[in-house]
Amino acid sequence: MAATPQTSPPTPPAARCGRSPFDLADADAYAAWRAWKLDGYPTAVDDLLVPIADPANLTAAEHAALLARLRKTNMALYALDRGPGGRDTVNALGAAFGLERLDEHLVSDKSCVTALEVADGEDATRTRYIPYTDRPIRWHTDGYYNRPDERIRAMVLHCVRPAAEGGENRLLDHEMAYLLMRDADPAMVAALMHPEAFVIPPNELEGETLRGARPNPVFYVDAASGALCMNYSMRKRNILWRNDAATDAAVAFLDDLLDGDGPHVFRHRMAAGQGLLCNNVLHDRAGFANDPAAPGRLMLRGRYFDRIAGTALDEVWPEGGLS
């Protein structure tokens, strides 16, 4: 059964109030979490990949393998043993990990599992947005322009058909970006935790406001899970960064980190039947070319207000938890 789309999440459970490594005043908690995070962190994209037979009936071993990767890196790649799969694959994997509340956005259909493919030139709505073209997409997290009550916490991205050429994704765990930035200068982290670290201007079309201005932090701690989340886009147009030296330094740091292809950046070009399950990690997409004589690249995306079940701070980090 498809997940039920909701435009706003229900009231979350009581916030976790134990030790938080994301509290800039708690250096001891951060040091302990940092040591845990780096211990055994994957070094190759193949370390993230889990073969699965039936997404609607994951075995205990398959579920455990996916969850172990999600707990360490906030992401896992999967490969179906047979067939390219479809919307039922996205819905089944979402349900298996507690993802129910889909984002219903401007160009989603009733299923809220969005088909990402090159839009027909006559589709004026979709051709305004880069995901419906063959152009490269710069680093971002999904839904960085959403309201606070509609933040995207998790995503399933499934490949039905790859492009003839190109279309590779790069992936970076947002917790690793936080760790590297905090090590460099905690003041940059503090700047990006400001509730108005950046503002996305209104989305307007022919005089109609489709979405109002959206101020947001870059890093924030999810009250329901105690986990670190991220809103970010590397776009240079239509994004207004807070005007102070620490924010400028933080944005430059992220630019250098993401353009540098360091050891924690994973590259993967999905084949048919492969996909990404994640807590909305940083990702980009290379440009691609379709074969004019064959069906073009088709990805299916489910974006969720929920976080992946089993990845709250106290479920992931042994020293975190409720007080």
Protein backbone atom coordinates (compact mmCIF):
# COMPACT_ATOMS: atom_id res chain seq x y z
CA MET A 1 0.00 0.00 0.00
CA ALA A 2 1.32 3.45 -0.88
CA ALA A 3 2.27 5.78 1.94
CA THR A 4 -0.22 8.49 2.79
CA PRO A 5 0.94 12.00 1.85
CA GLN A 6 0.57 14.66 4.53
CA THR A 7 1.34 18.33 4.23
CA SER A 8 2.34 18.73 7.85
CA PRO A 9 3.71 16.26 10.41
CA PRO A 10 1.87 15.37 13.61
CA THR A 11 3.07 16.62 16.96
CA PRO A 12 6.42 14.89 17.64
CA PRO A 13 7.11 12.91 20.79
CA ALA A 14 8.92 14.56 23.66
CA ALA A 15 12.34 15.84 22.63
CA ARG A 16 15.32 13.77 23.64
CA CYS A 17 17.23 15.56 26.33
CA GLY A 18 20.31 13.44 27.04
CA ARG A 19 23.90 14.18 25.98
CA SER A 20 24.12 15.70 22.53
CA PRO A 21 27.31 15.77 20.49
CA PHE A 22 25.70 18.59 18.51
CA ASP A 23 25.63 20.92 21.51
CA LEU A 24 28.54 23.28 20.91
CA ALA A 25 28.90 23.75 24.66
CA ASP A 26 29.50 20.02 25.29
CA ALA A 27 33.01 19.30 24.05
CA ASP A 28 33.20 15.96 25.86
CA ALA A 29 30.07 14.59 24.20
CA TYR A 30 31.33 15.75 20.82
CA ALA A 31 34.74 14.11 21.33
CA ALA A 32 33.13 10.79 22.29
CA TRP A 33 30.68 10.88 19.37
CA ARG A 34 33.44 11.90 16.95
CA ALA A 35 35.56 8.90 17.95
CA TRP A 36 32.56 6.58 17.49
CA LYS A 37 31.66 8.15 14.14
CA LEU A 38 35.12 7.75 12.63
CA ASP A 39 35.67 4.22 13.96
CA GLY A 40 35.03 1.84 11.06
CA TYR A 41 33.59 4.53 8.78
CA PRO A 42 33.29 3.13 5.22
CA THR A 43 36.02 4.05 2.77
CA ALA A 44 34.52 2.80 -0.52
CA VAL A 45 31.09 3.12 -2.08
CA ASP A 46 30.82 -0.67 -2.38
CA ASP A 47 30.78 -0.77 1.43
CA LEU A 48 27.36 0.92 1.28
CA LEU A 49 25.78 -1.52 -1.20
CA VAL A 50 23.35 -4.24 -0.03
CA PRO A 51 21.79 -6.79 -2.43
CA ILE A 52 18.10 -7.41 -1.70
CA ALA A 53 15.74 -9.99 -3.17
CA ASP A 54 12.27 -8.55 -2.48
CA PRO A 55 11.86 -5.00 -1.17
CA ALA A 56 8.36 -5.82 0.04
CA ASN A 57 9.67 -8.71 2.16
CA LEU A 58 13.15 -7.85 3.40
CA THR A 59 14.87 -10.67 5.23
CA ALA A 60 16.13 -9.98 8.75
CA ALA A 61 19.70 -10.05 7.39
CA GLU A 62 18.91 -7.58 4.59
CA HIS A 63 17.16 -5.18 6.97
CA ALA A 64 20.02 -5.41 9.47
CA ALA A 65 22.63 -4.79 6.76
CA LEU A 66 20.81 -1.69 5.51
CA LEU A 67 20.22 -0.38 9.02
CA ALA A 68 23.87 -0.84 10.03
CA ARG A 69 24.96 1.37 7.15
CA LEU A 70 22.24 3.92 7.84
CA ARG A 71 23.29 4.17 11.49
CA LYS A 72 26.93 4.81 10.62
CA THR A 73 26.64 6.94 7.46
CA ASN A 74 22.95 8.02 7.23
CA MET A 75 22.74 6.24 3.87
CA ALA A 76 22.69 2.85 2.22
CA LEU A 77 22.66 1.76 -1.40
CA TYR A 78 20.68 -1.29 -2.46
CA ALA A 79 20.51 -3.48 -5.56
CA LEU A 80 17.48 -5.59 -6.45
CA ASP A 81 18.31 -9.14 -7.42
CA ARG A 82 15.78 -9.08 -10.26
CA GLY A 83 13.94 -6.48 -12.30
CA PRO A 84 14.21 -2.69 -12.29
CA GLY A 85 11.37 -2.20 -9.78
CA GLY A 86 9.01 0.77 -9.66
CA ARG A 87 6.89 2.88 -7.33
CA ASP A 88 6.08 -0.22 -5.29
CA THR A 89 9.81 -0.56 -4.56
CA VAL A 90 9.97 2.96 -3.15
CA ASN A 91 6.85 2.48 -1.06
CA ALA A 92 7.95 -0.92 0.25
CA LEU A 93 11.40 0.26 1.33
CA GLY A 94 9.92 3.36 2.91
CA ALA A 95 7.42 1.29 4.88
CA ALA A 96 10.13 -1.16 6.01
CA PHE A 97 11.97 1.74 7.66
CA GLY A 98 9.03 3.64 9.14
CA LEU A 99 8.69 6.20 6.35
CA GLU A 100 5.05 7.10 5.87
CA ARG A 101 4.57 10.86 5.50
CA LEU A 102 5.43 11.76 1.91
CA ASP A 103 6.04 15.29 0.73
CA GLU A 104 3.37 16.48 -1.70
CA HIS A 105 5.12 19.25 -3.63
CA LEU A 106 4.34 21.48 -6.60
CA VAL A 107 4.95 18.91 -9.34
CA SER A 108 4.27 15.61 -7.56
CA ASP A 109 1.40 13.39 -8.66
CA LYS A 110 -1.17 11.76 -6.38
CA SER A 111 1.23 8.99 -5.37
CA CYS A 112 3.78 11.59 -4.18
CA VAL A 113 6.50 9.28 -5.55
CA THR A 114 7.96 11.56 -8.18
CA ALA A 115 9.21 10.46 -11.60
CA LEU A 116 12.46 12.31 -12.32
CA GLU A 117 13.02 12.32 -16.07
CA VAL A 118 13.60 14.86 -18.81
CA ALA A 119 10.35 16.73 -19.24
CA ASP A 120 8.71 17.27 -22.57
CA GLY A 121 9.45 20.75 -23.91
CA GLU A 122 5.75 21.59 -23.71
CA ASP A 123 5.64 20.87 -19.96
CA ALA A 124 6.25 24.45 -18.83
CA THR A 125 5.94 23.58 -15.13
CA ARG A 126 8.57 20.84 -14.96
CA THR A 127 11.04 22.39 -17.39
CA ARG A 128 11.49 25.28 -14.90
CA TYR A 129 13.18 22.86 -12.48
CA ILE A 130 16.59 21.25 -13.06
CA PRO A 131 15.65 17.71 -11.83
CA TYR A 132 13.42 17.43 -14.93
CA THR A 133 16.28 18.25 -17.31
CA ASP A 134 19.53 16.50 -18.26
CA ARG A 135 21.64 19.30 -16.75
CA PRO A 136 23.88 18.71 -13.73
CA ILE A 137 22.45 19.42 -10.27
CA ARG A 138 24.81 20.96 -7.73
CA TRP A 139 25.20 19.71 -4.16
CA HIS A 140 22.09 19.99 -1.99
CA THR A 141 19.79 18.29 0.46
CA ASP A 142 16.20 17.81 -0.64
CA GLY A 143 13.53 20.28 0.46
CA TYR A 144 15.97 22.96 1.65
CA TYR A 145 13.27 25.52 0.72
CA ASN A 146 10.51 23.84 2.79
CA ARG A 147 8.78 25.27 5.85
CA PRO A 148 10.05 24.06 9.26
CA ASP A 149 6.97 21.85 9.69
CA GLU A 150 7.61 20.22 6.30
CA ARG A 151 11.33 19.53 6.49
CA ILE A 152 12.54 16.50 4.54
CA ARG A 153 14.24 14.04 6.87
CA ALA A 154 14.55 10.97 4.64
CA MET A 155 14.47 9.95 1.00
CA VAL A 156 14.34 6.93 -1.30
CA LEU A 157 15.82 7.47 -4.77
CA HIS A 158 15.33 4.49 -7.11
CA CYS A 159 16.74 3.93 -10.59
CA VAL A 160 14.35 2.36 -13.12
CA ARG A 161 16.49 3.25 -16.15
CA PRO A 162 19.96 4.83 -16.19
CA ALA A 163 21.01 7.30 -18.85
CA ALA A 164 23.02 6.15 -21.84
CA GLU A 165 25.86 8.33 -20.55
CA GLY A 166 26.45 10.20 -17.28
CA GLY A 167 24.04 10.78 -14.42
CA GLU A 168 26.46 9.80 -11.66
CA ASN A 169 25.65 10.86 -8.09
CA ARG A 170 28.08 12.04 -5.43
CA LEU A 171 27.05 11.49 -1.82
CA LEU A 172 28.28 12.93 1.49
CA ASP A 173 26.98 12.17 4.97
CA HIS A 174 25.91 15.53 6.45
CA GLU A 175 27.20 14.43 9.87
CA MET A 176 30.64 14.05 8.34
CA ALA A 177 30.38 17.57 6.89
CA TYR A 178 29.45 18.80 10.39
CA LEU A 179 32.36 16.92 11.97
CA LEU A 180 34.92 18.33 9.54
CA MET A 181 33.59 21.86 9.94
CA ARG A 182 33.45 21.68 13.74
CA ASP A 183 37.01 20.40 13.81
CA ALA A 184 38.07 23.36 11.66
CA ASP A 185 36.16 26.07 13.57
CA PRO A 186 33.05 25.65 15.77
CA ALA A 187 32.13 29.27 15.04
CA MET A 188 31.26 28.26 11.48
CA VAL A 189 28.91 25.57 12.80
CA ALA A 190 27.27 28.09 15.13
CA ALA A 191 26.71 30.44 12.18
CA LEU A 192 25.02 27.71 10.14
CA MET A 193 22.77 26.77 13.06
CA HIS A 194 21.27 30.27 13.06
CA PRO A 195 17.54 29.98 12.19
CA GLU A 196 18.02 32.44 9.32
CA ALA A 197 21.42 31.26 8.07
CA PHE A 198 19.99 31.53 4.55
CA VAL A 199 16.76 32.63 2.89
CA ILE A 200 15.26 31.25 -0.31
CA PRO A 201 13.28 34.05 -2.02
CA PRO A 202 9.65 33.48 -3.05
CA ASN A 203 8.92 31.18 -6.00
CA GLU A 204 6.81 33.24 -8.37
CA LEU A 205 5.33 32.44 -11.77
CA GLU A 206 3.49 34.97 -13.93
CA GLY A 207 2.69 37.14 -10.93
CA GLU A 208 1.49 34.26 -8.74
CA THR A 209 3.41 33.36 -5.58
CA LEU A 210 3.79 29.58 -5.53
CA ARG A 211 5.89 29.58 -2.35
CA GLY A 212 6.79 32.35 0.03
CA ALA A 213 10.29 33.27 1.20
CA ARG A 214 11.87 30.51 3.30
CA PRO A 215 14.43 31.29 6.02
CA ASN A 216 16.19 28.19 7.36
CA PRO A 217 19.20 27.01 9.33
CA VAL A 218 21.73 24.78 7.58
CA PHE A 219 22.39 22.46 10.53
CA TYR A 220 19.64 21.76 13.04
CA VAL A 221 18.90 19.13 15.68
CA ASP A 222 15.64 17.26 15.17
CA ALA A 223 13.59 17.57 18.35
CA ALA A 224 11.91 14.18 17.94
CA SER A 225 15.07 12.10 17.43
CA GLY A 226 17.95 14.20 18.74
CA ALA A 227 19.66 13.61 15.38
CA LEU A 228 21.48 16.16 13.28
CA CYS A 229 19.76 17.25 10.06
CA MET A 230 20.80 19.61 7.29
CA ASN A 231 19.28 22.08 4.81
CA TYR A 232 21.69 23.14 2.08
CA SER A 233 22.09 24.12 -1.55
CA MET A 234 25.26 25.04 -3.40
CA ARG A 235 23.25 27.15 -5.82
CA LYS A 236 24.57 30.68 -6.20
CA ARG A 237 21.43 32.30 -7.57
CA ASN A 238 18.23 32.81 -5.60
CA ILE A 239 19.76 32.10 -2.21
CA LEU A 240 20.52 34.83 0.33
CA TRP A 241 23.12 33.99 2.97
CA ARG A 242 23.22 35.78 6.30
CA ASN A 243 25.65 38.66 6.06
CA ASP A 244 28.40 38.00 8.60
CA ALA A 245 32.00 36.79 8.53
CA ALA A 246 31.35 33.40 10.18
CA THR A 247 28.62 32.54 7.65
CA ASP A 248 30.85 33.60 4.77
CA ALA A 249 33.64 31.38 6.09
CA ALA A 250 31.27 28.44 6.59
CA VAL A 251 29.84 28.68 3.06
CA ALA A 252 33.37 28.84 1.62
CA PHE A 253 34.36 25.82 3.74
CA LEU A 254 31.44 23.78 2.38
CA ASP A 255 32.25 24.84 -1.19
CA ASP A 256 35.83 23.65 -0.79
CA LEU A 257 34.77 20.41 0.93
CA LEU A 258 32.20 19.48 -1.69
CA ASP A 259 34.28 20.47 -4.69
CA GLY A 260 37.33 18.73 -3.28
CA ASP A 261 36.11 15.12 -3.59
CA GLY A 262 37.70 14.14 -0.28
CA PRO A 263 37.79 10.59 1.12
CA HIS A 264 34.28 10.80 2.58
CA VAL A 265 32.62 11.71 -0.75
CA PHE A 266 31.18 8.63 -2.45
CA ARG A 267 30.58 8.40 -6.21
CA HIS A 268 28.02 6.03 -7.70
CA ARG A 269 26.23 5.72 -11.03
CA MET A 270 23.07 3.73 -10.37
CA ALA A 271 22.13 0.82 -12.56
CA ALA A 272 18.54 -0.29 -13.14
CA GLY A 273 17.14 -1.72 -9.91
CA GLN A 274 19.56 0.13 -7.66
CA GLY A 275 18.70 2.91 -5.27
CA LEU A 276 19.57 5.11 -2.32
CA LEU A 277 17.88 5.01 1.09
CA CYS A 278 19.02 7.87 3.30
CA ASN A 279 18.39 10.46 5.99
CA ASN A 280 18.51 13.23 3.36
CA VAL A 281 22.28 13.30 2.94
CA LEU A 282 24.13 15.77 0.74
CA HIS A 283 24.07 14.72 -2.91
CA ASP A 284 24.53 16.00 -6.44
CA ARG A 285 23.97 14.67 -9.96
CA ALA A 286 26.17 14.87 -13.03
CA GLY A 287 24.67 15.89 -16.34
CA PHE A 288 23.66 13.04 -18.62
CA ALA A 289 22.71 12.11 -22.18
CA ASN A 290 19.90 9.79 -23.20
CA ASP A 291 19.91 7.55 -26.24
CA PRO A 292 17.40 9.17 -28.67
CA ALA A 293 16.38 5.70 -29.86
CA ALA A 294 15.59 4.32 -26.38
CA PRO A 295 13.59 5.32 -23.30
CA GLY A 296 15.45 7.93 -21.26
CA ARG A 297 16.79 8.00 -17.72
CA LEU A 298 14.05 7.47 -15.11
CA MET A 299 14.50 7.84 -11.36
CA LEU A 300 11.71 7.56 -8.78
CA ARG A 301 11.95 9.65 -5.62
CA GLY A 302 10.03 9.52 -2.38
CA ARG A 303 10.72 12.38 0.06
CA TYR A 304 9.54 11.98 3.65
CA PHE A 305 8.90 14.14 6.68
CA ASP A 306 9.85 11.11 8.80
CA ARG A 307 13.37 10.07 9.77
CA ILE A 308 14.40 6.46 9.12
CA ALA A 309 13.28 4.28 12.02
CA GLY A 310 16.12 3.02 14.17
CA THR A 311 18.38 6.02 13.55
CA ALA A 312 17.49 8.34 16.44
CA LEU A 313 20.52 9.56 18.35
CA ASP A 314 20.01 7.20 21.29
CA GLU A 315 19.60 4.25 18.86
CA VAL A 316 22.78 5.07 16.96
CA TRP A 317 25.32 6.48 19.37
CA PRO A 318 25.90 4.31 22.46
CA GLU A 319 26.46 7.28 24.77
CA GLY A 320 23.50 9.30 23.59
CA GLY A 321 20.02 8.81 24.90
CA LEU A 322 17.31 9.95 27.18
CA SER A 323 18.16 11.38 30.56
